[in-house]
């Protein structure tokens, strides 16, 4: 019962605590990363160039992540879902640009395997996304 209460406090109960919000954002990001990396792998291995496959996988993971963050990180947002989605999409579009740049740099220039490049790009984009969401989109 104590473990269940702790899990509920860490993952579900609404909070304005920045550290806990960051933890939840990271958890949502990990789940989204595995979805995106899995899709990226399937699309690339089916013959699509990794720079074309990246945005396809990114869009699916973006929608999944939007749902998780809206529900578990910033559930008390007073914005309409359309307004929130528009802001989230803008942040994601910048994130996609950063992802493409990182993927190109790490994969083409440094000759790193594309899935490892995806992991590195995700780390860069996670910092951008959390900061932009916290201080621009979900400012309290």
N, C-alpha and C. Protein backbone atom coordinates (compact mmCIF):
# COMPACT_ATOMS: atom_id res chain seq x y z
N UNK A 1 0.82 -1.19 0.00
CA UNK A 1 0.00 0.00 0.00
C UNK A 1 0.87 1.27 0.00
N UNK A 2 1.95 1.24 0.77
CA UNK A 2 2.85 2.39 0.83
C UNK A 2 3.50 2.63 -0.52
N UNK A 3 3.91 1.56 -1.19
CA UNK A 3 4.52 1.66 -2.51
C UNK A 3 3.53 2.23 -3.53
N UNK A 4 2.27 1.81 -3.44
CA UNK A 4 1.23 2.32 -4.34
C UNK A 4 1.00 3.81 -4.10
N UNK A 5 0.96 4.22 -2.83
CA UNK A 5 0.79 5.64 -2.51
C UNK A 5 1.97 6.47 -3.02
N UNK A 6 3.18 5.94 -2.87
CA UNK A 6 4.37 6.63 -3.36
C UNK A 6 4.33 6.77 -4.88
N UNK A 7 3.96 5.69 -5.57
CA UNK A 7 3.85 5.72 -7.03
C UNK A 7 2.81 6.75 -7.47
N UNK A 8 1.68 6.78 -6.76
CA UNK A 8 0.62 7.75 -7.09
C UNK A 8 1.13 9.18 -6.90
N UNK A 9 1.85 9.42 -5.80
CA UNK A 9 2.39 10.76 -5.54
C UNK A 9 3.43 11.16 -6.58
N UNK A 10 4.29 10.22 -6.96
CA UNK A 10 5.34 10.52 -7.92
C UNK A 10 4.83 10.68 -9.35
N UNK A 11 3.81 9.91 -9.72
CA UNK A 11 3.41 9.84 -11.13
C UNK A 11 2.06 10.46 -11.47
N UNK A 12 1.14 10.54 -10.51
CA UNK A 12 -0.23 10.89 -10.88
C UNK A 12 -0.76 12.17 -10.22
N UNK A 13 -0.57 12.33 -8.93
CA UNK A 13 -1.12 13.47 -8.21
C UNK A 13 -0.58 14.77 -8.79
N UNK A 14 -1.47 15.71 -9.15
CA UNK A 14 -1.02 16.99 -9.71
C UNK A 14 -0.02 17.69 -8.77
N UNK A 15 0.99 18.33 -9.37
CA UNK A 15 2.01 19.02 -8.58
C UNK A 15 2.56 20.21 -9.35
N UNK A 16 3.01 21.21 -8.60
CA UNK A 16 3.70 22.35 -9.19
C UNK A 16 5.19 22.26 -8.90
N UNK A 17 5.62 21.19 -8.26
CA UNK A 17 7.03 20.98 -7.93
C UNK A 17 7.83 20.76 -9.20
N UNK A 18 8.76 21.67 -9.49
CA UNK A 18 9.54 21.60 -10.73
C UNK A 18 10.36 20.32 -10.86
N UNK A 19 10.92 19.85 -9.76
CA UNK A 19 11.71 18.62 -9.80
C UNK A 19 10.83 17.42 -10.16
N UNK A 20 9.67 17.35 -9.54
CA UNK A 20 8.75 16.25 -9.84
C UNK A 20 8.22 16.36 -11.26
N UNK A 21 7.95 17.57 -11.71
CA UNK A 21 7.51 17.77 -13.09
C UNK A 21 8.59 17.33 -14.06
N UNK A 22 9.85 17.65 -13.74
CA UNK A 22 10.94 17.22 -14.60
C UNK A 22 11.03 15.70 -14.62
N UNK A 23 10.89 15.06 -13.47
CA UNK A 23 10.92 13.59 -13.39
C UNK A 23 9.81 13.00 -14.26
N UNK A 24 8.61 13.54 -14.16
CA UNK A 24 7.49 13.04 -14.96
C UNK A 24 7.72 13.28 -16.45
N UNK A 25 8.26 14.45 -16.77
CA UNK A 25 8.58 14.74 -18.17
C UNK A 25 9.60 13.74 -18.69
N UNK A 26 10.60 13.44 -17.87
CA UNK A 26 11.62 12.46 -18.26
C UNK A 26 11.00 11.08 -18.45
N UNK A 27 10.09 10.68 -17.55
CA UNK A 27 9.43 9.37 -17.68
C UNK A 27 8.60 9.32 -18.96
N UNK A 28 7.85 10.38 -19.24
CA UNK A 28 7.07 10.44 -20.48
C UNK A 28 8.01 10.41 -21.68
N UNK A 29 9.13 11.10 -21.55
CA UNK A 29 10.12 11.13 -22.62
C UNK A 29 10.74 9.78 -22.89
N UNK A 30 11.00 9.02 -21.83
CA UNK A 30 11.57 7.67 -22.01
C UNK A 30 10.59 6.78 -22.76
N UNK A 31 9.33 6.81 -22.34
CA UNK A 31 8.31 6.01 -23.03
C UNK A 31 8.18 6.45 -24.50
N UNK A 32 8.15 7.76 -24.70
CA UNK A 32 8.04 8.29 -26.06
C UNK A 32 9.27 7.95 -26.89
N UNK A 33 10.44 7.99 -26.25
CA UNK A 33 11.68 7.64 -26.95
C UNK A 33 11.64 6.21 -27.47
N UNK A 34 11.21 5.27 -26.63
CA UNK A 34 11.16 3.88 -27.07
C UNK A 34 10.16 3.69 -28.20
N UNK A 35 9.03 4.38 -28.13
CA UNK A 35 8.07 4.33 -29.23
C UNK A 35 8.70 4.90 -30.50
N UNK A 36 9.32 6.07 -30.39
CA UNK A 36 9.92 6.72 -31.55
C UNK A 36 11.09 5.93 -32.13
N UNK A 37 11.97 5.45 -31.26
CA UNK A 37 13.12 4.66 -31.73
C UNK A 37 12.67 3.37 -32.40
N UNK A 38 11.65 2.74 -31.83
CA UNK A 38 11.12 1.52 -32.43
C UNK A 38 10.54 1.78 -33.82
N UNK A 39 9.77 2.85 -33.93
CA UNK A 39 9.21 3.22 -35.24
C UNK A 39 10.32 3.61 -36.22
N UNK A 40 11.29 4.37 -35.73
CA UNK A 40 12.41 4.76 -36.58
C UNK A 40 13.11 3.53 -37.13
N UNK A 41 13.37 2.57 -36.27
CA UNK A 41 14.03 1.34 -36.69
C UNK A 41 13.22 0.61 -37.77
N UNK A 42 11.93 0.45 -37.51
CA UNK A 42 11.06 -0.27 -38.47
C UNK A 42 11.03 0.45 -39.81
N UNK A 43 10.89 1.78 -39.79
CA UNK A 43 10.80 2.55 -41.03
C UNK A 43 12.13 2.52 -41.79
N UNK A 44 13.25 2.72 -41.08
CA UNK A 44 14.56 2.71 -41.74
C UNK A 44 14.87 1.32 -42.30
N UNK A 45 14.60 0.30 -41.52
CA UNK A 45 14.90 -1.06 -41.97
C UNK A 45 13.99 -1.51 -43.11
N UNK A 46 12.89 -0.77 -43.33
CA UNK A 46 12.03 -1.08 -44.49
C UNK A 46 12.52 -0.35 -45.75
N UNK A 47 13.62 0.43 -45.61
CA UNK A 47 14.23 1.02 -46.79
C UNK A 47 14.15 2.53 -46.89
N UNK A 48 13.56 3.22 -45.91
CA UNK A 48 13.44 4.68 -45.95
C UNK A 48 14.70 5.29 -45.32
N UNK A 49 15.23 6.33 -45.93
CA UNK A 49 16.42 7.02 -45.41
C UNK A 49 16.12 7.54 -44.00
N UNK A 50 17.11 7.47 -43.11
CA UNK A 50 16.89 7.83 -41.72
C UNK A 50 16.45 9.29 -41.53
N UNK A 51 16.89 10.21 -42.40
CA UNK A 51 16.47 11.61 -42.27
C UNK A 51 15.02 11.83 -42.71
N UNK A 52 14.48 10.93 -43.51
CA UNK A 52 13.06 10.98 -43.86
C UNK A 52 12.22 10.22 -42.84
N UNK A 53 12.77 9.15 -42.30
CA UNK A 53 12.07 8.34 -41.30
C UNK A 53 11.94 9.07 -39.97
N UNK A 54 12.93 9.89 -39.66
CA UNK A 54 12.95 10.58 -38.36
C UNK A 54 11.69 11.42 -38.12
N UNK A 55 11.25 12.28 -39.05
CA UNK A 55 10.04 13.06 -38.78
C UNK A 55 8.78 12.20 -38.68
N UNK A 56 8.73 11.11 -39.43
CA UNK A 56 7.55 10.24 -39.35
C UNK A 56 7.41 9.65 -37.95
N UNK A 57 8.50 9.11 -37.44
CA UNK A 57 8.48 8.54 -36.09
C UNK A 57 8.27 9.63 -35.05
N UNK A 58 8.85 10.80 -35.29
CA UNK A 58 8.76 11.92 -34.37
C UNK A 58 7.30 12.36 -34.18
N UNK A 59 6.55 12.42 -35.26
CA UNK A 59 5.15 12.88 -35.19
C UNK A 59 4.31 11.95 -34.32
N UNK A 60 4.47 10.65 -34.49
CA UNK A 60 3.72 9.69 -33.69
C UNK A 60 4.10 9.83 -32.22
N UNK A 61 5.39 9.90 -31.94
CA UNK A 61 5.86 10.03 -30.57
C UNK A 61 5.43 11.38 -29.98
N UNK A 62 5.38 12.42 -30.80
CA UNK A 62 4.93 13.74 -30.36
C UNK A 62 3.50 13.67 -29.81
N UNK A 63 2.61 13.04 -30.54
CA UNK A 63 1.21 12.95 -30.09
C UNK A 63 1.09 12.13 -28.81
N UNK A 64 1.82 11.04 -28.73
CA UNK A 64 1.84 10.21 -27.53
C UNK A 64 2.37 11.01 -26.34
N UNK A 65 3.47 11.72 -26.55
CA UNK A 65 4.08 12.51 -25.49
C UNK A 65 3.16 13.65 -25.06
N UNK A 66 2.50 14.30 -26.00
CA UNK A 66 1.58 15.38 -25.67
C UNK A 66 0.51 14.87 -24.71
N UNK A 67 -0.05 13.73 -25.02
CA UNK A 67 -1.09 13.16 -24.15
C UNK A 67 -0.54 12.89 -22.74
N UNK A 68 0.62 12.26 -22.65
CA UNK A 68 1.20 11.94 -21.35
C UNK A 68 1.51 13.20 -20.54
N UNK A 69 2.14 14.19 -21.18
CA UNK A 69 2.52 15.40 -20.46
C UNK A 69 1.29 16.18 -20.02
N UNK A 70 0.30 16.27 -20.88
CA UNK A 70 -0.93 17.00 -20.52
C UNK A 70 -1.64 16.32 -19.36
N UNK A 71 -1.64 15.02 -19.34
CA UNK A 71 -2.37 14.28 -18.30
C UNK A 71 -1.59 14.16 -16.99
N UNK A 72 -0.28 13.96 -17.06
CA UNK A 72 0.47 13.62 -15.85
C UNK A 72 1.49 14.66 -15.38
N UNK A 73 1.89 15.59 -16.24
CA UNK A 73 2.89 16.58 -15.82
C UNK A 73 2.22 17.93 -15.55
N UNK A 74 1.41 18.40 -16.49
CA UNK A 74 0.76 19.71 -16.36
C UNK A 74 -0.76 19.57 -16.52
N UNK A 75 -1.43 18.77 -15.68
CA UNK A 75 -2.86 18.53 -15.87
C UNK A 75 -3.75 19.73 -15.53
N UNK A 76 -3.23 20.69 -14.80
CA UNK A 76 -4.05 21.83 -14.38
C UNK A 76 -3.94 23.02 -15.31
N UNK A 77 -3.45 22.78 -16.51
CA UNK A 77 -3.34 23.86 -17.48
C UNK A 77 -4.71 24.46 -17.73
N UNK A 78 -4.76 25.78 -17.76
CA UNK A 78 -6.03 26.47 -17.99
C UNK A 78 -6.26 26.79 -19.47
N UNK A 79 -5.32 26.39 -20.30
CA UNK A 79 -5.43 26.65 -21.74
C UNK A 79 -6.35 25.63 -22.38
N UNK A 80 -6.98 26.04 -23.48
CA UNK A 80 -7.78 25.08 -24.24
C UNK A 80 -6.84 24.05 -24.86
N UNK A 81 -7.37 22.89 -25.15
CA UNK A 81 -6.52 21.84 -25.73
C UNK A 81 -5.97 22.29 -27.08
N UNK A 82 -6.76 23.04 -27.86
CA UNK A 82 -6.28 23.52 -29.17
C UNK A 82 -5.12 24.51 -28.99
N UNK A 83 -5.26 25.42 -28.06
CA UNK A 83 -4.20 26.40 -27.80
C UNK A 83 -2.96 25.70 -27.26
N UNK A 84 -3.17 24.77 -26.36
CA UNK A 84 -2.05 24.03 -25.79
C UNK A 84 -1.34 23.18 -26.86
N UNK A 85 -2.13 22.52 -27.70
CA UNK A 85 -1.55 21.70 -28.76
C UNK A 85 -0.75 22.57 -29.74
N UNK A 86 -1.25 23.76 -30.03
CA UNK A 86 -0.53 24.66 -30.93
C UNK A 86 0.83 25.05 -30.33
N UNK A 87 0.85 25.41 -29.06
CA UNK A 87 2.11 25.75 -28.40
C UNK A 87 3.03 24.56 -28.31
N UNK A 88 2.46 23.42 -27.99
CA UNK A 88 3.24 22.18 -27.89
C UNK A 88 3.83 21.82 -29.25
N UNK A 89 3.02 22.02 -30.30
CA UNK A 89 3.48 21.71 -31.66
C UNK A 89 4.63 22.63 -32.07
N UNK A 90 4.56 23.91 -31.69
CA UNK A 90 5.64 24.84 -32.00
C UNK A 90 6.93 24.39 -31.32
N UNK A 91 6.83 24.03 -30.04
CA UNK A 91 8.00 23.54 -29.30
C UNK A 91 8.52 22.26 -29.96
N UNK A 92 7.62 21.38 -30.36
CA UNK A 92 8.02 20.13 -31.01
C UNK A 92 8.66 20.38 -32.37
N UNK A 93 8.17 21.37 -33.09
CA UNK A 93 8.74 21.69 -34.41
C UNK A 93 10.20 22.13 -34.26
N UNK A 94 10.47 22.96 -33.26
CA UNK A 94 11.86 23.34 -32.98
C UNK A 94 12.64 22.09 -32.58
N UNK A 95 12.01 21.24 -31.76
CA UNK A 95 12.64 19.98 -31.35
C UNK A 95 12.94 19.07 -32.54
N UNK A 96 12.03 19.03 -33.50
CA UNK A 96 12.26 18.23 -34.70
C UNK A 96 13.44 18.77 -35.49
N UNK A 97 13.52 20.10 -35.60
CA UNK A 97 14.67 20.71 -36.29
C UNK A 97 15.98 20.36 -35.59
N UNK A 98 15.98 20.45 -34.27
CA UNK A 98 17.17 20.07 -33.51
C UNK A 98 17.50 18.59 -33.69
N UNK A 99 16.46 17.77 -33.71
CA UNK A 99 16.65 16.33 -33.90
C UNK A 99 17.29 16.05 -35.26
N UNK A 100 16.75 16.66 -36.30
CA UNK A 100 17.31 16.44 -37.65
C UNK A 100 18.77 16.90 -37.72
N UNK A 101 19.06 18.05 -37.15
CA UNK A 101 20.44 18.54 -37.15
C UNK A 101 21.37 17.58 -36.39
N UNK A 102 20.92 17.14 -35.23
CA UNK A 102 21.74 16.21 -34.44
C UNK A 102 21.90 14.88 -35.18
N UNK A 103 20.82 14.38 -35.76
CA UNK A 103 20.89 13.11 -36.49
C UNK A 103 21.89 13.22 -37.64
N UNK A 104 21.81 14.29 -38.39
CA UNK A 104 22.74 14.49 -39.50
C UNK A 104 24.18 14.58 -38.98
N UNK A 105 24.39 15.42 -37.98
CA UNK A 105 25.74 15.63 -37.45
C UNK A 105 26.33 14.33 -36.89
N UNK A 106 25.58 13.67 -36.03
CA UNK A 106 26.11 12.45 -35.40
C UNK A 106 26.24 11.30 -36.39
N UNK A 107 25.26 11.14 -37.27
CA UNK A 107 25.27 9.98 -38.17
C UNK A 107 26.16 10.21 -39.39
N UNK A 108 25.96 11.32 -40.10
CA UNK A 108 26.73 11.56 -41.32
C UNK A 108 28.14 12.08 -41.05
N UNK A 109 28.27 12.98 -40.11
CA UNK A 109 29.57 13.60 -39.86
C UNK A 109 30.45 12.76 -38.92
N UNK A 110 29.87 12.29 -37.81
CA UNK A 110 30.66 11.52 -36.85
C UNK A 110 30.59 10.01 -37.08
N UNK A 111 29.73 9.60 -38.02
CA UNK A 111 29.60 8.18 -38.40
C UNK A 111 29.13 7.30 -37.24
N UNK A 112 28.21 7.83 -36.45
CA UNK A 112 27.60 7.08 -35.35
C UNK A 112 26.35 6.39 -35.88
N UNK A 113 26.10 5.17 -35.42
CA UNK A 113 24.91 4.41 -35.82
C UNK A 113 23.65 5.25 -35.56
N UNK A 114 22.71 5.24 -36.49
CA UNK A 114 21.57 6.15 -36.42
C UNK A 114 20.73 6.02 -35.15
N UNK A 115 20.62 4.83 -34.57
CA UNK A 115 19.84 4.71 -33.34
C UNK A 115 20.58 5.30 -32.14
N UNK A 116 21.89 5.23 -32.14
CA UNK A 116 22.68 5.88 -31.09
C UNK A 116 22.57 7.40 -31.28
N UNK A 117 22.61 7.85 -32.52
CA UNK A 117 22.41 9.27 -32.82
C UNK A 117 21.05 9.74 -32.32
N UNK A 118 20.04 8.92 -32.49
CA UNK A 118 18.69 9.25 -32.04
C UNK A 118 18.68 9.44 -30.52
N UNK A 119 19.36 8.57 -29.81
CA UNK A 119 19.45 8.68 -28.36
C UNK A 119 20.12 10.00 -27.96
N UNK A 120 21.22 10.33 -28.60
CA UNK A 120 21.93 11.58 -28.30
C UNK A 120 21.08 12.81 -28.64
N UNK A 121 20.41 12.74 -29.77
CA UNK A 121 19.54 13.85 -30.17
C UNK A 121 18.40 14.04 -29.17
N UNK A 122 17.87 12.94 -28.68
CA UNK A 122 16.78 12.99 -27.72
C UNK A 122 17.21 13.70 -26.43
N UNK A 123 18.42 13.46 -25.99
CA UNK A 123 18.92 14.12 -24.78
C UNK A 123 18.95 15.64 -24.98
N UNK A 124 19.42 16.08 -26.13
CA UNK A 124 19.46 17.52 -26.43
C UNK A 124 18.05 18.10 -26.48
N UNK A 125 17.16 17.42 -27.18
CA UNK A 125 15.80 17.92 -27.38
C UNK A 125 15.00 17.89 -26.08
N UNK A 126 15.26 16.93 -25.21
CA UNK A 126 14.54 16.87 -23.95
C UNK A 126 14.78 18.13 -23.11
N UNK A 127 16.00 18.59 -23.08
CA UNK A 127 16.31 19.81 -22.32
C UNK A 127 15.56 21.00 -22.90
N UNK A 128 15.59 21.14 -24.21
CA UNK A 128 14.86 22.22 -24.88
C UNK A 128 13.36 22.12 -24.58
N UNK A 129 12.78 20.94 -24.77
CA UNK A 129 11.34 20.77 -24.64
C UNK A 129 10.85 21.05 -23.23
N UNK A 130 11.53 20.49 -22.23
CA UNK A 130 11.08 20.72 -20.85
C UNK A 130 11.16 22.20 -20.51
N UNK A 131 12.26 22.83 -20.85
CA UNK A 131 12.44 24.25 -20.52
C UNK A 131 11.38 25.10 -21.19
N UNK A 132 11.13 24.86 -22.46
CA UNK A 132 10.12 25.64 -23.19
C UNK A 132 8.72 25.39 -22.65
N UNK A 133 8.40 24.15 -22.33
CA UNK A 133 7.07 23.85 -21.78
C UNK A 133 6.90 24.48 -20.40
N UNK A 134 7.88 24.32 -19.56
CA UNK A 134 7.79 24.80 -18.17
C UNK A 134 7.68 26.31 -18.11
N UNK A 135 8.51 27.02 -18.87
CA UNK A 135 8.57 28.47 -18.71
C UNK A 135 7.78 29.27 -19.75
N UNK A 136 7.31 28.60 -20.77
CA UNK A 136 6.53 29.32 -21.77
C UNK A 136 5.10 28.79 -21.85
N UNK A 137 4.97 27.51 -22.08
CA UNK A 137 3.64 26.94 -22.31
C UNK A 137 2.84 26.74 -21.03
N UNK A 138 3.47 26.23 -19.98
CA UNK A 138 2.76 25.90 -18.75
C UNK A 138 3.15 26.80 -17.58
N UNK A 139 3.59 27.99 -17.87
CA UNK A 139 3.98 28.94 -16.82
C UNK A 139 2.82 29.11 -15.85
N UNK A 140 3.13 29.00 -14.56
CA UNK A 140 2.06 29.11 -13.53
C UNK A 140 2.20 30.39 -12.74
